[in-house]
PDB file of N, CA and C in Angstrom:
ATOM      1  N   MET A   1     -45.967  -7.453  20.048  1.00  0.00           N
ATOM      2  CA  MET A   1     -46.825  -8.342  20.785  1.00  0.00           C
ATOM      3  C   MET A   1     -47.001  -7.805  22.196  1.00  0.00           C
ATOM      4  N   TYR A   2     -48.071  -8.250  22.863  1.00  0.00           N
ATOM      5  CA  TYR A   2     -48.341  -7.837  24.241  1.00  0.00           C
ATOM      6  C   TYR A   2     -48.369  -9.063  25.153  1.00  0.00           C
ATOM      7  N   ILE A   3     -47.727  -8.935  26.303  1.00  0.00           N
ATOM      8  CA  ILE A   3     -47.752  -9.976  27.324  1.00  0.00           C
ATOM      9  C   ILE A   3     -48.133  -9.303  28.634  1.00  0.00           C
ATOM     10  N   ASN A   4     -49.251  -9.723  29.198  1.00  0.00           N
ATOM     11  CA  ASN A   4     -49.762  -9.118  30.441  1.00  0.00           C
ATOM     12  C   ASN A   4     -49.861  -7.595  30.333  1.00  0.00           C
ATOM     13  N   GLY A   5     -50.283  -7.102  29.168  1.00  0.00           N
ATOM     14  CA  GLY A   5     -50.445  -5.675  28.949  1.00  0.00           C
ATOM     15  C   GLY A   5     -49.167  -4.919  28.648  1.00  0.00           C
ATOM     16  N   LYS A   6     -48.032  -5.606  28.603  1.00  0.00           N
ATOM     17  CA  LYS A   6     -46.746  -4.969  28.333  1.00  0.00           C
ATOM     18  C   LYS A   6     -46.375  -5.203  26.870  1.00  0.00           C
ATOM     19  N   ALA A   7     -46.049  -4.117  26.158  1.00  0.00           N
ATOM     20  CA  ALA A   7     -45.639  -4.225  24.760  1.00  0.00           C
ATOM     21  C   ALA A   7     -44.226  -4.785  24.682  1.00  0.00           C
ATOM     22  N   ILE A   8     -44.052  -5.828  23.894  1.00  0.00           N
ATOM     23  CA  ILE A   8     -42.762  -6.475  23.688  1.00  0.00           C
ATOM     24  C   ILE A   8     -42.449  -6.423  22.204  1.00  0.00           C
ATOM     25  N   ASN A   9     -41.315  -5.860  21.846  1.00  0.00           N
ATOM     26  CA  ASN A   9     -40.889  -5.878  20.458  1.00  0.00           C
ATOM     27  C   ASN A   9     -40.143  -7.184  20.238  1.00  0.00           C
ATOM     28  N   GLY A  10     -40.836  -8.161  19.702  1.00  0.00           N
ATOM     29  CA  GLY A  10     -40.253  -9.473  19.491  1.00  0.00           C
ATOM     30  C   GLY A  10     -41.290 -10.411  18.904  1.00  0.00           C
ATOM     31  N   PHE A  11     -41.070 -11.702  19.108  1.00  0.00           N
ATOM     32  CA  PHE A  11     -41.991 -12.683  18.542  1.00  0.00           C
ATOM     33  C   PHE A  11     -42.016 -13.954  19.382  1.00  0.00           C
ATOM     34  N   LEU A  12     -43.121 -14.677  19.260  1.00  0.00           N
ATOM     35  CA  LEU A  12     -43.299 -15.962  19.913  1.00  0.00           C
ATOM     36  C   LEU A  12     -42.694 -17.025  19.011  1.00  0.00           C
ATOM     37  N   ASP A  13     -41.799 -17.831  19.533  1.00  0.00           N
ATOM     38  CA  ASP A  13     -41.155 -18.892  18.757  1.00  0.00           C
ATOM     39  C   ASP A  13     -41.688 -20.232  19.248  1.00  0.00           C
ATOM     40  N   GLU A  14     -42.734 -20.711  18.598  1.00  0.00           N
ATOM     41  CA  GLU A  14     -43.385 -21.948  19.028  1.00  0.00           C
ATOM     42  C   GLU A  14     -42.537 -23.181  18.774  1.00  0.00           C
ATOM     43  N   SER A  15     -41.460 -23.044  18.005  1.00  0.00           N
ATOM     44  CA  SER A  15     -40.579 -24.188  17.747  1.00  0.00           C
ATOM     45  C   SER A  15     -39.563 -24.388  18.870  1.00  0.00           C
ATOM     46  N   LYS A  16     -39.496 -23.421  19.811  1.00  0.00           N
ATOM     47  CA  LYS A  16     -38.536 -23.499  20.910  1.00  0.00           C
ATOM     48  C   LYS A  16     -39.285 -23.517  22.243  1.00  0.00           C
ATOM     49  N   PRO A  17     -39.494 -24.695  22.836  1.00  0.00           N
ATOM     50  CA  PRO A  17     -40.164 -24.742  24.138  1.00  0.00           C
ATOM     51  C   PRO A  17     -39.209 -24.403  25.278  1.00  0.00           C
ATOM     52  N   CYS A  18     -39.744 -23.800  26.313  1.00  0.00           N
ATOM     53  CA  CYS A  18     -38.975 -23.518  27.525  1.00  0.00           C
ATOM     54  C   CYS A  18     -38.523 -24.850  28.125  1.00  0.00           C
ATOM     55  N   PRO A  19     -37.252 -24.983  28.485  1.00  0.00           N
ATOM     56  CA  PRO A  19     -36.785 -26.241  29.080  1.00  0.00           C
ATOM     57  C   PRO A  19     -37.359 -26.497  30.477  1.00  0.00           C
ATOM     58  N   ASN A  20     -37.899 -25.466  31.115  1.00  0.00           N
ATOM     59  CA  ASN A  20     -38.450 -25.616  32.465  1.00  0.00           C
ATOM     60  C   ASN A  20     -39.926 -26.001  32.470  1.00  0.00           C
ATOM     61  N   CYS A  21     -40.724 -25.348  31.599  1.00  0.00           N
ATOM     62  CA  CYS A  21     -42.176 -25.575  31.655  1.00  0.00           C
ATOM     63  C   CYS A  21     -42.796 -26.011  30.327  1.00  0.00           C
ATOM     64  N   GLY A  22     -42.065 -25.892  29.221  1.00  0.00           N
ATOM     65  CA  GLY A  22     -42.581 -26.298  27.922  1.00  0.00           C
ATOM     66  C   GLY A  22     -43.323 -25.218  27.160  1.00  0.00           C
ATOM     67  N   HIS A  23     -43.532 -24.047  27.767  1.00  0.00           N
ATOM     68  CA  HIS A  23     -44.203 -22.926  27.093  1.00  0.00           C
ATOM     69  C   HIS A  23     -43.316 -22.440  25.943  1.00  0.00           C
ATOM     70  N   ALA A  24     -43.918 -21.914  24.900  1.00  0.00           N
ATOM     71  CA  ALA A  24     -43.145 -21.369  23.784  1.00  0.00           C
ATOM     72  C   ALA A  24     -42.299 -20.186  24.250  1.00  0.00           C
ATOM     73  N   GLU A  25     -41.081 -20.116  23.749  1.00  0.00           N
ATOM     74  CA  GLU A  25     -40.178 -19.022  24.099  1.00  0.00           C
ATOM     75  C   GLU A  25     -40.546 -17.756  23.330  1.00  0.00           C
ATOM     76  N   VAL A  26     -40.167 -16.613  23.881  1.00  0.00           N
ATOM     77  CA  VAL A  26     -40.366 -15.319  23.233  1.00  0.00           C
ATOM     78  C   VAL A  26     -39.000 -14.691  23.008  1.00  0.00           C
ATOM     79  N   TYR A  27     -38.790 -14.188  21.788  1.00  0.00           N
ATOM     80  CA  TYR A  27     -37.569 -13.442  21.496  1.00  0.00           C
ATOM     81  C   TYR A  27     -37.851 -11.972  21.784  1.00  0.00           C
ATOM     82  N   TYR A  28     -37.028 -11.362  22.617  1.00  0.00           N
ATOM     83  CA  TYR A  28     -37.186  -9.960  23.022  1.00  0.00           C
ATOM     84  C   TYR A  28     -36.108  -9.158  22.300  1.00  0.00           C
ATOM     85  N   ASP A  29     -36.515  -8.435  21.269  1.00  0.00           N
ATOM     86  CA  ASP A  29     -35.583  -7.716  20.406  1.00  0.00           C
ATOM     87  C   ASP A  29     -34.741  -6.684  21.159  1.00  0.00           C
ATOM     88  N   LEU A  30     -35.331  -5.972  22.097  1.00  0.00           N
ATOM     89  CA  LEU A  30     -34.624  -4.927  22.832  1.00  0.00           C
ATOM     90  C   LEU A  30     -33.383  -5.462  23.542  1.00  0.00           C
ATOM     91  N   TYR A  31     -33.452  -6.711  24.009  1.00  0.00           N
ATOM     92  CA  TYR A  31     -32.341  -7.314  24.755  1.00  0.00           C
ATOM     93  C   TYR A  31     -31.652  -8.436  23.983  1.00  0.00           C
ATOM     94  N   ASP A  32     -32.064  -8.675  22.724  1.00  0.00           N
ATOM     95  CA  ASP A  32     -31.471  -9.699  21.860  1.00  0.00           C
ATOM     96  C   ASP A  32     -31.373 -11.041  22.591  1.00  0.00           C
ATOM     97  N   SER A  33     -32.483 -11.460  23.199  1.00  0.00           N
ATOM     98  CA  SER A  33     -32.457 -12.675  24.009  1.00  0.00           C
ATOM     99  C   SER A  33     -33.842 -13.311  24.081  1.00  0.00           C
ATOM    100  N   TYR A  34     -33.848 -14.619  24.318  1.00  0.00           N
ATOM    101  CA  TYR A  34     -35.088 -15.361  24.497  1.00  0.00           C
ATOM    102  C   TYR A  34     -35.446 -15.446  25.975  1.00  0.00           C
ATOM    103  N   PHE A  35     -36.759 -15.461  26.246  1.00  0.00           N
ATOM    104  CA  PHE A  35     -37.231 -15.657  27.612  1.00  0.00           C
ATOM    105  C   PHE A  35     -38.521 -16.455  27.602  1.00  0.00           C
ATOM    106  N   CYS A  36     -38.889 -16.959  28.768  1.00  0.00           N
ATOM    107  CA  CYS A  36     -40.153 -17.668  28.927  1.00  0.00           C
ATOM    108  C   CYS A  36     -41.124 -16.743  29.646  1.00  0.00           C
ATOM    109  N   PRO A  37     -42.251 -16.396  29.011  1.00  0.00           N
ATOM    110  CA  PRO A  37     -43.213 -15.520  29.676  1.00  0.00           C
ATOM    111  C   PRO A  37     -43.948 -16.218  30.825  1.00  0.00           C
ATOM    112  N   ALA A  38     -44.073 -17.529  30.776  1.00  0.00           N
ATOM    113  CA  ALA A  38     -44.750 -18.254  31.857  1.00  0.00           C
ATOM    114  C   ALA A  38     -43.884 -18.299  33.114  1.00  0.00           C
ATOM    115  N   CYS A  39     -42.582 -18.516  32.939  1.00  0.00           N
ATOM    116  CA  CYS A  39     -41.646 -18.581  34.075  1.00  0.00           C
ATOM    117  C   CYS A  39     -41.074 -17.209  34.437  1.00  0.00           C
ATOM    118  N   ASN A  40     -41.208 -16.236  33.523  1.00  0.00           N
ATOM    119  CA  ASN A  40     -40.607 -14.909  33.683  1.00  0.00           C
ATOM    120  C   ASN A  40     -39.100 -15.034  33.947  1.00  0.00           C
ATOM    121  N   GLN A  41     -38.452 -15.860  33.118  1.00  0.00           N
ATOM    122  CA  GLN A  41     -37.014 -16.107  33.239  1.00  0.00           C
ATOM    123  C   GLN A  41     -36.346 -15.933  31.880  1.00  0.00           C
ATOM    124  N   TRP A  42     -35.159 -15.351  31.901  1.00  0.00           N
ATOM    125  CA  TRP A  42     -34.339 -15.321  30.696  1.00  0.00           C
ATOM    126  C   TRP A  42     -33.864 -16.740  30.427  1.00  0.00           C
ATOM    127  N   LEU A  43     -33.787 -17.122  29.177  1.00  0.00           N
ATOM    128  CA  LEU A  43     -33.347 -18.465  28.821  1.00  0.00           C
ATOM    129  C   LEU A  43     -31.940 -18.457  28.242  1.00  0.00           C
ATOM    130  N   GLU A  44     -31.335 -17.298  28.210  1.00  0.00           N
ATOM    131  CA  GLU A  44     -29.952 -17.152  27.761  1.00  0.00           C
ATOM    132  C   GLU A  44     -29.216 -16.275  28.765  1.00  0.00           C
ATOM    133  N   SER A  45     -27.964 -16.597  28.995  1.00  0.00           N
ATOM    134  CA  SER A  45     -27.139 -15.802  29.904  1.00  0.00           C
ATOM    135  C   SER A  45     -26.711 -14.510  29.229  1.00  0.00           C
ATOM    136  N   LYS A  46     -26.361 -13.528  30.050  1.00  0.00           N
ATOM    137  CA  LYS A  46     -25.771 -12.306  29.510  1.00  0.00           C
ATOM    138  C   LYS A  46     -24.402 -12.652  28.938  1.00  0.00           C
ATOM    139  N   CYS A  47     -23.971 -11.899  27.944  1.00  0.00           N
ATOM    140  CA  CYS A  47     -22.651 -12.145  27.364  1.00  0.00           C
ATOM    141  C   CYS A  47     -21.563 -11.584  28.286  1.00  0.00           C
ATOM    142  N   SER A  48     -20.332 -11.859  27.951  1.00  0.00           N
ATOM    143  CA  SER A  48     -19.212 -11.440  28.805  1.00  0.00           C
ATOM    144  C   SER A  48     -18.668 -10.055  28.461  1.00  0.00           C
ATOM    145  N   ASP A  49     -19.219  -9.413  27.433  1.00  0.00           N
ATOM    146  CA  ASP A  49     -18.748  -8.088  27.020  1.00  0.00           C
ATOM    147  C   ASP A  49     -19.380  -7.013  27.911  1.00  0.00           C
ATOM    148  N   PRO A  50     -18.591  -6.325  28.747  1.00  0.00           N
ATOM    149  CA  PRO A  50     -19.154  -5.307  29.640  1.00  0.00           C
ATOM    150  C   PRO A  50     -19.729  -4.095  28.897  1.00  0.00           C
ATOM    151  N   CYS A  51     -19.396  -3.943  27.626  1.00  0.00           N
ATOM    152  CA  CYS A  51     -19.893  -2.814  26.829  1.00  0.00           C
ATOM    153  C   CYS A  51     -21.092  -3.189  25.959  1.00  0.00           C
ATOM    154  N   CYS A  52     -21.551  -4.409  26.055  1.00  0.00           N
ATOM    155  CA  CYS A  52     -22.669  -4.868  25.229  1.00  0.00           C
ATOM    156  C   CYS A  52     -23.913  -4.031  25.544  1.00  0.00           C
ATOM    157  N   SER A  53     -24.443  -3.376  24.537  1.00  0.00           N
ATOM    158  CA  SER A  53     -25.601  -2.499  24.752  1.00  0.00           C
ATOM    159  C   SER A  53     -26.865  -3.287  25.095  1.00  0.00           C
ATOM    160  N   TYR A  54     -26.930  -4.546  24.709  1.00  0.00           N
ATOM    161  CA  TYR A  54     -28.102  -5.368  25.027  1.00  0.00           C
ATOM    162  C   TYR A  54     -28.067  -5.839  26.480  1.00  0.00           C
ATOM    163  N   CYS A  55     -26.942  -6.418  26.860  1.00  0.00           N
ATOM    164  CA  CYS A  55     -26.847  -7.068  28.176  1.00  0.00           C
ATOM    165  C   CYS A  55     -26.733  -6.092  29.342  1.00  0.00           C
ATOM    166  N   LYS A  56     -26.068  -4.970  29.134  1.00  0.00           N
ATOM    167  CA  LYS A  56     -25.869  -4.065  30.271  1.00  0.00           C
ATOM    168  C   LYS A  56     -27.162  -3.397  30.727  1.00  0.00           C
ATOM    169  N   GLN A  57     -28.165  -3.326  29.856  1.00  0.00           N
ATOM    170  CA  GLN A  57     -29.436  -2.716  30.245  1.00  0.00           C
ATOM    171  C   GLN A  57     -30.527  -3.750  30.550  1.00  0.00           C
ATOM    172  N   ARG A  58     -30.220  -5.027  30.393  1.00  0.00           N
ATOM    173  CA  ARG A  58     -31.216  -6.082  30.589  1.00  0.00           C
ATOM    174  C   ARG A  58     -31.598  -6.215  32.064  1.00  0.00           C
ATOM    175  N   PRO A  59     -32.907  -6.181  32.370  1.00  0.00           N
ATOM    176  CA  PRO A  59     -33.345  -6.333  33.765  1.00  0.00           C
ATOM    177  C   PRO A  59     -33.189  -7.778  34.236  1.00  0.00           C
ATOM    178  N   GLU A  60     -33.272  -7.975  35.538  1.00  0.00           N
ATOM    179  CA  GLU A  60     -33.135  -9.324  36.097  1.00  0.00           C
ATOM    180  C   GLU A  60     -34.240 -10.244  35.591  1.00  0.00           C
ATOM    181  N   ARG A  61     -35.452  -9.713  35.477  1.00  0.00           N
ATOM    182  CA  ARG A  61     -36.599 -10.475  34.968  1.00  0.00           C
ATOM    183  C   ARG A  61     -37.128  -9.792  33.709  1.00  0.00           C
ATOM    184  N   PRO A  62     -37.517 -10.565  32.695  1.00  0.00           N
ATOM    185  CA  PRO A  62     -38.003  -9.969  31.449  1.00  0.00           C
ATOM    186  C   PRO A  62     -39.284  -9.156  31.607  1.00  0.00           C
ATOM    187  N   LEU A  63     -40.187  -9.607  32.452  1.00  0.00           N
ATOM    188  CA  LEU A  63     -41.476  -8.932  32.625  1.00  0.00           C
ATOM    189  C   LEU A  63     -41.518  -8.200  33.953  1.00  0.00           C
ATOM    190  N   PHE A  64     -40.528  -7.344  34.172  1.00  0.00           N
ATOM    191  CA  PHE A  64     -40.472  -6.566  35.411  1.00  0.00           C
ATOM    192  C   PHE A  64     -41.641  -5.599  35.464  1.00  0.00           C
ATOM    193  N   ASN A  65     -41.997  -5.153  36.647  1.00  0.00           N
ATOM    194  CA  ASN A  65     -43.125  -4.216  36.822  1.00  0.00           C
ATOM    195  C   ASN A  65     -42.644  -2.798  36.883  1.00  0.00           C
TER     196      ASN A  65
END
């Protein structure tokens, strides 16, 4: 899928609204996490494993420039 011209390997989950704005959440496969494209916020915290390949490379914002 594409969001603002950026390719995202994931899917739109219309059954899960963002708790902040109500927009459908997006699952981002690369980081194994959900985010809100309208708020540009991760909706799940990073895990506590310092070696986690998903969390250690995750940017502060999902739709960084």
